[in-house]
PDB file of N, CA and C in Angstrom:
ATOM      1  N   ASP A   1       0.875  -1.126   0.042  1.00  0.00           N
ATOM      2  CA  ASP A   1       0.000  -0.041   0.010  1.00  0.00           C
ATOM      3  C   ASP A   1       0.865   1.149  -0.016  1.00  0.00           C
ATOM      4  N   GLY A   2       0.465   2.258  -0.652  1.00  0.00           N
ATOM      5  CA  GLY A   2       1.111   3.549  -0.665  1.00  0.00           C
ATOM      6  C   GLY A   2       1.748   3.876  -2.031  1.00  0.00           C
ATOM      7  N   ASN A   3       2.410   4.990  -2.098  1.00  0.00           N
ATOM      8  CA  ASN A   3       2.958   5.504  -3.261  1.00  0.00           C
ATOM      9  C   ASN A   3       4.448   5.237  -3.330  1.00  0.00           C
ATOM     10  N   TYR A   4       4.865   4.345  -4.292  1.00  0.00           N
ATOM     11  CA  TYR A   4       6.311   3.860  -4.302  1.00  0.00           C
ATOM     12  C   TYR A   4       7.130   5.104  -4.773  1.00  0.00           C
ATOM     13  N   MET A   5       6.589   6.025  -5.427  1.00  0.00           N
ATOM     14  CA  MET A   5       7.320   7.245  -5.893  1.00  0.00           C
ATOM     15  C   MET A   5       7.886   8.097  -4.607  1.00  0.00           C
ATOM     16  N   THR A   6       7.435   7.820  -3.435  1.00  0.00           N
ATOM     17  CA  THR A   6       7.966   8.558  -2.347  1.00  0.00           C
ATOM     18  C   THR A   6       8.977   7.735  -1.555  1.00  0.00           C
ATOM     19  N   LEU A   7       9.354   6.629  -2.196  1.00  0.00           N
ATOM     20  CA  LEU A   7      10.462   5.828  -1.547  1.00  0.00           C
ATOM     21  C   LEU A   7      11.762   6.226  -2.388  1.00  0.00           C
ATOM     22  N   TYR A   8      12.879   6.028  -1.628  1.00  0.00           N
ATOM     23  CA  TYR A   8      14.229   6.288  -2.019  1.00  0.00           C
ATOM     24  C   TYR A   8      15.188   5.233  -1.692  1.00  0.00           C
ATOM     25  N   PRO A   9      16.091   4.924  -2.552  1.00  0.00           N
ATOM     26  CA  PRO A   9      17.092   3.878  -2.208  1.00  0.00           C
ATOM     27  C   PRO A   9      18.178   4.456  -1.257  1.00  0.00           C
ATOM     28  N   ILE A  10      18.603   3.586  -0.408  1.00  0.00           N
ATOM     29  CA  ILE A  10      19.692   4.007   0.590  1.00  0.00           C
ATOM     30  C   ILE A  10      20.801   2.982   0.367  1.00  0.00           C
ATOM     31  N   LYS A  11      22.087   3.493   0.522  1.00  0.00           N
ATOM     32  CA  LYS A  11      23.181   2.684   0.446  1.00  0.00           C
ATOM     33  C   LYS A  11      24.365   3.324   1.349  1.00  0.00           C
ATOM     34  N   ASP A  12      24.926   2.600   2.254  1.00  0.00           N
ATOM     35  CA  ASP A  12      25.895   3.094   3.046  1.00  0.00           C
ATOM     36  C   ASP A  12      25.429   4.459   3.851  1.00  0.00           C
ATOM     37  N   ASP A  13      24.319   4.405   4.371  1.00  0.00           N
ATOM     38  CA  ASP A  13      23.653   5.569   4.993  1.00  0.00           C
ATOM     39  C   ASP A  13      23.462   6.871   4.217  1.00  0.00           C
ATOM     40  N   MET A  14      23.480   6.609   2.878  1.00  0.00           N
ATOM     41  CA  MET A  14      23.242   7.721   1.859  1.00  0.00           C
ATOM     42  C   MET A  14      21.916   7.522   1.174  1.00  0.00           C
ATOM     43  N   VAL A  15      21.093   8.549   1.127  1.00  0.00           N
ATOM     44  CA  VAL A  15      19.888   8.493   0.464  1.00  0.00           C
ATOM     45  C   VAL A  15      20.054   9.051  -0.921  1.00  0.00           C
ATOM     46  N   TYR A  16      19.573   8.319  -1.977  1.00  0.00           N
ATOM     47  CA  TYR A  16      19.803   8.761  -3.346  1.00  0.00           C
ATOM     48  C   TYR A  16      18.331   9.327  -3.753  1.00  0.00           C
ATOM     49  N   LYS A  17      18.182  10.608  -3.895  1.00  0.00           N
ATOM     50  CA  LYS A  17      16.914  11.137  -4.381  1.00  0.00           C
ATOM     51  C   LYS A  17      16.927  11.414  -5.967  1.00  0.00           C
ATOM     52  N   SER A  18      18.016  11.221  -6.591  1.00  0.00           N
ATOM     53  CA  SER A  18      18.029  11.305  -7.974  1.00  0.00           C
ATOM     54  C   SER A  18      19.349  10.596  -8.513  1.00  0.00           C
ATOM     55  N   GLY A  19      19.480  10.419  -9.844  1.00  0.00           N
ATOM     56  CA  GLY A  19      20.611   9.711 -10.411  1.00  0.00           C
ATOM     57  C   GLY A  19      20.336   8.322 -10.802  1.00  0.00           C
ATOM     58  N   LYS A  20      21.286   7.610 -11.182  1.00  0.00           N
ATOM     59  CA  LYS A  20      21.189   6.244 -11.679  1.00  0.00           C
ATOM     60  C   LYS A  20      20.669   5.353 -10.587  1.00  0.00           C
ATOM     61  N   GLU A  21      20.937   5.475  -9.320  1.00  0.00           N
ATOM     62  CA  GLU A  21      20.630   4.722  -8.269  1.00  0.00           C
ATOM     63  C   GLU A  21      19.025   4.817  -8.085  1.00  0.00           C
ATOM     64  N   ARG A  22      18.561   6.046  -8.231  1.00  0.00           N
ATOM     65  CA  ARG A  22      17.080   6.286  -7.935  1.00  0.00           C
ATOM     66  C   ARG A  22      16.368   5.702  -9.298  1.00  0.00           C
ATOM     67  N   GLU A  23      16.917   5.733 -10.448  1.00  0.00           N
ATOM     68  CA  GLU A  23      16.410   5.199 -11.666  1.00  0.00           C
ATOM     69  C   GLU A  23      16.205   3.808 -11.437  1.00  0.00           C
ATOM     70  N   ALA A  24      17.375   3.066 -11.041  1.00  0.00           N
ATOM     71  CA  ALA A  24      17.347   1.645 -11.046  1.00  0.00           C
ATOM     72  C   ALA A  24      16.397   1.139 -10.055  1.00  0.00           C
ATOM     73  N   PHE A  25      16.353   1.973  -8.863  1.00  0.00           N
ATOM     74  CA  PHE A  25      15.386   1.483  -7.850  1.00  0.00           C
ATOM     75  C   PHE A  25      13.941   1.539  -8.355  1.00  0.00           C
ATOM     76  N   LEU A  26      13.538   2.643  -9.074  1.00  0.00           N
ATOM     77  CA  LEU A  26      12.179   2.637  -9.585  1.00  0.00           C
ATOM     78  C   LEU A  26      11.856   1.715 -10.598  1.00  0.00           C
ATOM     79  N   LYS A  27      12.859   1.236 -11.358  1.00  0.00           N
ATOM     80  CA  LYS A  27      12.539   0.142 -12.398  1.00  0.00           C
ATOM     81  C   LYS A  27      12.125  -1.156 -11.708  1.00  0.00           C
ATOM     82  N   LEU A  28      12.458  -1.331 -10.364  1.00  0.00           N
ATOM     83  CA  LEU A  28      12.012  -2.534  -9.722  1.00  0.00           C
ATOM     84  C   LEU A  28      10.548  -2.635  -9.608  1.00  0.00           C
ATOM     85  N   PHE A  29       9.903  -1.402  -9.725  1.00  0.00           N
ATOM     86  CA  PHE A  29       8.337  -1.393  -9.514  1.00  0.00           C
ATOM     87  C   PHE A  29       7.674  -1.584 -10.901  1.00  0.00           C
ATOM     88  N   GLU A  30       8.378  -1.601 -11.948  1.00  0.00           N
ATOM     89  CA  GLU A  30       7.522  -1.632 -13.261  1.00  0.00           C
ATOM     90  C   GLU A  30       7.054  -3.042 -13.466  1.00  0.00           C
ATOM     91  N   VAL A  31       5.902  -3.040 -14.149  1.00  0.00           N
ATOM     92  CA  VAL A  31       5.142  -4.293 -14.394  1.00  0.00           C
ATOM     93  C   VAL A  31       5.621  -4.738 -15.743  1.00  0.00           C
ATOM     94  N   ARG A  32       5.894  -6.041 -15.883  1.00  0.00           N
ATOM     95  CA  ARG A  32       6.200  -6.507 -17.231  1.00  0.00           C
ATOM     96  C   ARG A  32       5.047  -6.487 -18.123  1.00  0.00           C
ATOM     97  N   LYS A  33       5.363  -6.197 -19.253  1.00  0.00           N
ATOM     98  CA  LYS A  33       4.290  -5.949 -20.311  1.00  0.00           C
ATOM     99  C   LYS A  33       4.081  -7.195 -21.139  1.00  0.00           C
ATOM    100  N   ASP A  34       5.136  -8.163 -21.039  1.00  0.00           N
ATOM    101  CA  ASP A  34       5.089  -9.281 -21.996  1.00  0.00           C
ATOM    102  C   ASP A  34       4.684 -10.497 -21.156  1.00  0.00           C
ATOM    103  N   ASN A  35       3.339 -10.481 -20.781  1.00  0.00           N
ATOM    104  CA  ASN A  35       2.738 -11.482 -19.894  1.00  0.00           C
ATOM    105  C   ASN A  35       2.821 -12.872 -20.688  1.00  0.00           C
ATOM    106  N   ILE A  36       3.564 -13.835 -20.073  1.00  0.00           N
ATOM    107  CA  ILE A  36       3.710 -15.113 -20.710  1.00  0.00           C
ATOM    108  C   ILE A  36       2.914 -16.251 -19.998  1.00  0.00           C
ATOM    109  N   GLY A  37       2.512 -17.266 -20.719  1.00  0.00           N
ATOM    110  CA  GLY A  37       1.748 -18.226 -19.993  1.00  0.00           C
ATOM    111  C   GLY A  37       2.581 -19.141 -19.069  1.00  0.00           C
ATOM    112  N   LEU A  38       1.766 -19.951 -18.387  1.00  0.00           N
ATOM    113  CA  LEU A  38       2.451 -20.907 -17.394  1.00  0.00           C
ATOM    114  C   LEU A  38       3.256 -21.904 -18.097  1.00  0.00           C
ATOM    115  N   ILE A  39       2.822 -22.506 -19.196  1.00  0.00           N
ATOM    116  CA  ILE A  39       3.711 -23.460 -19.974  1.00  0.00           C
ATOM    117  C   ILE A  39       4.971 -22.840 -20.330  1.00  0.00           C
ATOM    118  N   GLU A  40       4.952 -21.574 -20.936  1.00  0.00           N
ATOM    119  CA  GLU A  40       6.223 -20.873 -21.397  1.00  0.00           C
ATOM    120  C   GLU A  40       7.125 -20.620 -20.362  1.00  0.00           C
ATOM    121  N   LEU A  41       6.424 -20.193 -19.107  1.00  0.00           N
ATOM    122  CA  LEU A  41       7.234 -19.883 -18.005  1.00  0.00           C
ATOM    123  C   LEU A  41       7.983 -21.171 -17.446  1.00  0.00           C
ATOM    124  N   ASP A  42       7.287 -22.259 -17.460  1.00  0.00           N
ATOM    125  CA  ASP A  42       7.769 -23.530 -16.953  1.00  0.00           C
ATOM    126  C   ASP A  42       8.909 -23.957 -17.873  1.00  0.00           C
ATOM    127  N   GLN A  43       8.762 -23.856 -19.153  1.00  0.00           N
ATOM    128  CA  GLN A  43       9.706 -24.240 -20.120  1.00  0.00           C
ATOM    129  C   GLN A  43      11.083 -23.435 -19.945  1.00  0.00           C
ATOM    130  N   ALA A  44      10.913 -22.063 -19.810  1.00  0.00           N
ATOM    131  CA  ALA A  44      11.968 -21.192 -19.572  1.00  0.00           C
ATOM    132  C   ALA A  44      12.707 -21.504 -18.341  1.00  0.00           C
ATOM    133  N   VAL A  45      12.015 -21.839 -17.321  1.00  0.00           N
ATOM    134  CA  VAL A  45      12.710 -22.234 -16.060  1.00  0.00           C
ATOM    135  C   VAL A  45      13.424 -23.605 -16.100  1.00  0.00           C
ATOM    136  N   GLN A  46      12.778 -24.543 -16.777  1.00  0.00           N
ATOM    137  CA  GLN A  46      13.542 -25.716 -16.977  1.00  0.00           C
ATOM    138  C   GLN A  46      14.813 -25.572 -17.908  1.00  0.00           C
ATOM    139  N   GLN A  47      14.650 -24.808 -18.904  1.00  0.00           N
ATOM    140  CA  GLN A  47      15.837 -24.583 -19.714  1.00  0.00           C
ATOM    141  C   GLN A  47      16.985 -23.870 -18.984  1.00  0.00           C
ATOM    142  N   GLU A  48      16.630 -22.936 -18.175  1.00  0.00           N
ATOM    143  CA  GLU A  48      17.670 -22.211 -17.354  1.00  0.00           C
ATOM    144  C   GLU A  48      18.350 -23.181 -16.391  1.00  0.00           C
ATOM    145  N   ILE A  49      17.505 -23.971 -15.657  1.00  0.00           N
ATOM    146  CA  ILE A  49      18.012 -24.975 -14.791  1.00  0.00           C
ATOM    147  C   ILE A  49      18.981 -26.005 -15.547  1.00  0.00           C
ATOM    148  N   ALA A  50      18.530 -26.499 -16.669  1.00  0.00           N
ATOM    149  CA  ALA A  50      19.321 -27.402 -17.464  1.00  0.00           C
ATOM    150  C   ALA A  50      20.621 -26.766 -17.843  1.00  0.00           C
ATOM    151  N   GLN A  51      20.647 -25.497 -18.313  1.00  0.00           N
ATOM    152  CA  GLN A  51      21.905 -24.867 -18.608  1.00  0.00           C
ATOM    153  C   GLN A  51      22.916 -24.752 -17.454  1.00  0.00           C
ATOM    154  N   LYS A  52      22.322 -24.491 -16.324  1.00  0.00           N
ATOM    155  CA  LYS A  52      23.156 -24.214 -15.119  1.00  0.00           C
ATOM    156  C   LYS A  52      23.786 -25.597 -14.744  1.00  0.00           C
ATOM    157  N   ILE A  53      22.949 -26.702 -14.766  1.00  0.00           N
ATOM    158  CA  ILE A  53      23.467 -27.966 -14.372  1.00  0.00           C
ATOM    159  C   ILE A  53      24.493 -28.442 -15.380  1.00  0.00           C
ATOM    160  N   SER A  54      24.273 -28.179 -16.589  1.00  0.00           N
ATOM    161  CA  SER A  54      25.174 -28.510 -17.702  1.00  0.00           C
ATOM    162  C   SER A  54      26.538 -27.841 -17.516  1.00  0.00           C
ATOM    163  N   LEU A  55      26.447 -26.506 -17.192  1.00  0.00           N
ATOM    164  CA  LEU A  55      27.796 -25.874 -17.005  1.00  0.00           C
ATOM    165  C   LEU A  55      28.453 -26.285 -15.748  1.00  0.00           C
ATOM    166  N   GLY A  56      27.695 -26.690 -14.742  1.00  0.00           N
ATOM    167  CA  GLY A  56      28.320 -27.242 -13.471  1.00  0.00           C
ATOM    168  C   GLY A  56      28.984 -28.479 -13.782  1.00  0.00           C
ATOM    169  N   ILE A  57      28.387 -29.302 -14.496  1.00  0.00           N
ATOM    170  CA  ILE A  57      28.960 -30.671 -14.762  1.00  0.00           C
ATOM    171  C   ILE A  57      30.134 -30.540 -15.690  1.00  0.00           C
ATOM    172  N   GLU A  58      30.042 -29.671 -16.612  1.00  0.00           N
ATOM    173  CA  GLU A  58      31.155 -29.437 -17.563  1.00  0.00           C
ATOM    174  C   GLU A  58      32.399 -28.796 -16.782  1.00  0.00           C
ATOM    175  N   GLY A  59      32.064 -27.803 -15.840  1.00  0.00           N
ATOM    176  CA  GLY A  59      33.209 -27.319 -15.043  1.00  0.00           C
ATOM    177  C   GLY A  59      33.790 -28.272 -14.131  1.00  0.00           C
ATOM    178  N   TYR A  60      32.957 -29.243 -13.570  1.00  0.00           N
ATOM    179  CA  TYR A  60      33.432 -30.267 -12.626  1.00  0.00           C
ATOM    180  C   TYR A  60      34.384 -31.192 -13.460  1.00  0.00           C
ATOM    181  N   ILE A  61      33.921 -31.532 -14.667  1.00  0.00           N
ATOM    182  CA  ILE A  61      34.844 -32.482 -15.467  1.00  0.00           C
ATOM    183  C   ILE A  61      35.941 -31.923 -15.870  1.00  0.00           C
ATOM    184  N   ASN A  62      36.032 -30.599 -16.321  1.00  0.00           N
ATOM    185  CA  ASN A  62      37.175 -29.894 -16.641  1.00  0.00           C
ATOM    186  C   ASN A  62      38.185 -29.701 -15.649  1.00  0.00           C
ATOM    187  N   THR A  63      37.782 -29.684 -14.410  1.00  0.00           N
ATOM    188  CA  THR A  63      38.606 -29.572 -13.191  1.00  0.00           C
ATOM    189  C   THR A  63      39.281 -30.866 -12.799  1.00  0.00           C
ATOM    190  N   LYS A  64      38.565 -31.843 -12.985  1.00  0.00           N
ATOM    191  CA  LYS A  64      38.953 -33.272 -12.609  1.00  0.00           C
ATOM    192  C   LYS A  64      39.800 -33.972 -13.559  1.00  0.00           C
ATOM    193  N   PHE A  65      39.639 -33.734 -14.876  1.00  0.00           N
ATOM    194  CA  PHE A  65      40.353 -34.521 -15.870  1.00  0.00           C
ATOM    195  C   PHE A  65      41.252 -33.746 -16.696  1.00  0.00           C
TER     196      PHE A  65
END
């Protein structure tokens, strides 16, 4: 609840009221416009997991052999 435009990012006890930090912070509140279906989301997640597992296995093999 409330207006996210009244929120400001803080880092190392410094409040950013403008600049790239503020811009990046406000982007966190943007809504995705490319709404995908559950099947497409599931496939994308499975593909990302498979790629990470593959890279992990490949890295393990490369360090052991």
